[in-house]
Protein backbone atom coordinates (compact mmCIF):
# COMPACT_ATOMS: atom_id res chain seq x y z
CA UNK A 1 -1.07 30.28 9.24
CA UNK A 2 0.14 28.60 12.14
CA UNK A 3 1.43 24.88 11.95
CA UNK A 4 -1.00 23.84 14.70
CA UNK A 5 -3.92 24.87 12.19
CA UNK A 6 -3.14 21.91 9.88
CA UNK A 7 -2.97 19.32 12.66
CA UNK A 8 -6.71 18.42 12.21
CA UNK A 9 -6.17 18.21 8.37
CA UNK A 10 -3.11 15.94 8.59
CA UNK A 11 -4.84 13.77 11.10
CA UNK A 12 -7.89 13.34 8.96
CA UNK A 13 -5.77 12.63 5.80
CA UNK A 14 -3.67 9.97 7.76
CA UNK A 15 -7.09 8.32 8.85
CA UNK A 16 -8.46 8.14 5.23
CA UNK A 17 -5.11 6.77 3.74
CA UNK A 18 -4.91 4.08 6.51
CA UNK A 19 -8.51 3.16 6.00
CA UNK A 20 -8.08 3.07 2.20
CA UNK A 21 -4.85 0.76 2.72
CA UNK A 22 -6.49 -1.69 5.28
CA UNK A 23 -9.50 -2.01 2.85
CA UNK A 24 -7.14 -2.90 -0.18
CA UNK A 25 -5.42 -5.42 1.88
CA UNK A 26 -8.75 -6.68 3.39
CA UNK A 27 -10.02 -7.15 -0.41
CA UNK A 28 -6.81 -8.83 -1.44
CA UNK A 29 -7.28 -11.40 1.49
CA UNK A 30 -10.80 -11.94 -0.25
CA UNK A 31 -9.23 -12.83 -3.55
CA UNK A 32 -10.31 -9.45 -5.25
CA UNK A 33 -7.69 -9.58 -8.05
CA UNK A 34 -8.50 -5.90 -9.11
CA UNK A 35 -7.48 -4.80 -5.41
CA UNK A 36 -3.87 -6.54 -5.86
CA UNK A 37 -3.60 -4.56 -9.05
CA UNK A 38 -4.59 -1.36 -7.40
CA UNK A 39 -2.07 -2.06 -4.33
CA UNK A 40 0.54 -2.33 -7.02
CA UNK A 41 -0.15 0.94 -8.84
CA UNK A 42 -0.11 2.56 -5.28
CA UNK A 43 3.12 1.21 -4.34
CA UNK A 44 4.68 1.86 -7.67
CA UNK A 45 3.34 5.34 -7.55
CA UNK A 46 4.86 6.16 -4.10
CA UNK A 47 8.32 4.40 -4.46
CA UNK A 48 9.64 7.23 -6.45
CA UNK A 49 8.97 9.69 -3.45
CA UNK A 50 11.56 7.67 -1.62
CA UNK A 51 14.51 8.36 -3.92
CA UNK A 52 13.26 11.66 -5.20
CA UNK A 53 11.51 13.18 -2.17
CA UNK A 54 13.13 15.84 -0.33
CA UNK A 55 13.67 15.08 3.31
CA UNK A 56 13.42 17.76 5.80
CA UNK A 57 16.33 19.11 7.77
CA UNK A 58 15.01 17.80 10.90
CA UNK A 59 14.28 14.14 9.84
CA UNK A 60 15.92 11.92 12.15
CA UNK A 61 17.96 8.95 10.99
CA UNK A 62 15.31 6.61 12.36
CA UNK A 63 12.74 8.01 10.45
CA UNK A 64 14.49 7.38 7.35
CA UNK A 65 15.68 4.09 8.14
CA UNK A 66 11.88 3.17 8.91
CA UNK A 67 10.84 4.73 5.63
CA UNK A 68 13.31 2.70 3.69
CA UNK A 69 12.33 -0.56 5.58
CA UNK A 70 8.78 0.00 5.21
CA UNK A 71 9.17 0.59 1.39
CA UNK A 72 11.13 -2.46 1.14
CA UNK A 73 8.81 -4.52 2.88
CA UNK A 74 5.97 -3.19 0.33
CA UNK A 75 8.13 -3.99 -2.67
CA UNK A 76 8.52 -7.59 -1.24
CA UNK A 77 4.89 -7.96 -0.56
CA UNK A 78 3.88 -6.81 -4.16
CA UNK A 79 6.54 -9.74 -5.40
CA UNK A 80 4.76 -12.33 -3.17
CA UNK A 81 1.27 -11.16 -4.57
CA UNK A 82 2.30 -11.47 -8.13
CA UNK A 83 4.87 -14.69 -8.08
CA UNK A 84 4.35 -18.25 -7.54
CA UNK A 85 1.14 -19.57 -6.12
CA UNK A 86 -0.68 -16.37 -5.75
CA UNK A 87 -1.83 -16.28 -9.18
CA UNK A 88 -3.28 -19.70 -9.11
CA UNK A 89 -4.98 -18.39 -5.88
CA UNK A 90 -6.54 -15.38 -7.05
CA UNK A 91 -7.57 -17.52 -10.24
CA UNK A 92 -9.80 -19.85 -7.98
CA UNK A 93 -11.68 -17.06 -7.11
CA UNK A 94 -12.67 -16.58 -10.68
CA UNK A 95 -13.28 -19.88 -11.11
CA UNK A 96 -15.44 -20.44 -8.59
CA UNK A 97 -17.47 -17.44 -9.32
CA UNK A 98 -18.38 -18.25 -12.68
CA UNK A 99 -19.15 -22.15 -11.59
CA UNK A 100 -21.54 -20.67 -9.09
CA UNK A 101 -25.28 -20.76 -9.78
């Protein structure tokens, strides 16, 4: 099979992954604690690929740097989601749901 035959499949997979990521971020913003846990699991599952994944021979230095930068920012975001005031912010959602009529 030629490479061009896989482009539509790659495009669909990219759109699905982007939409799932956007949905998780939106749900985290709506104080869904389970969404933040799912996001942590996803980040932790993908992170080893950065260290143990094989780079293709034609991968540019810019692609590698951007991939590392993106991963660092994801880890930082996970740190912020699980530290400091964020725990109490997510707890507010649970308390208001329990006290609602």
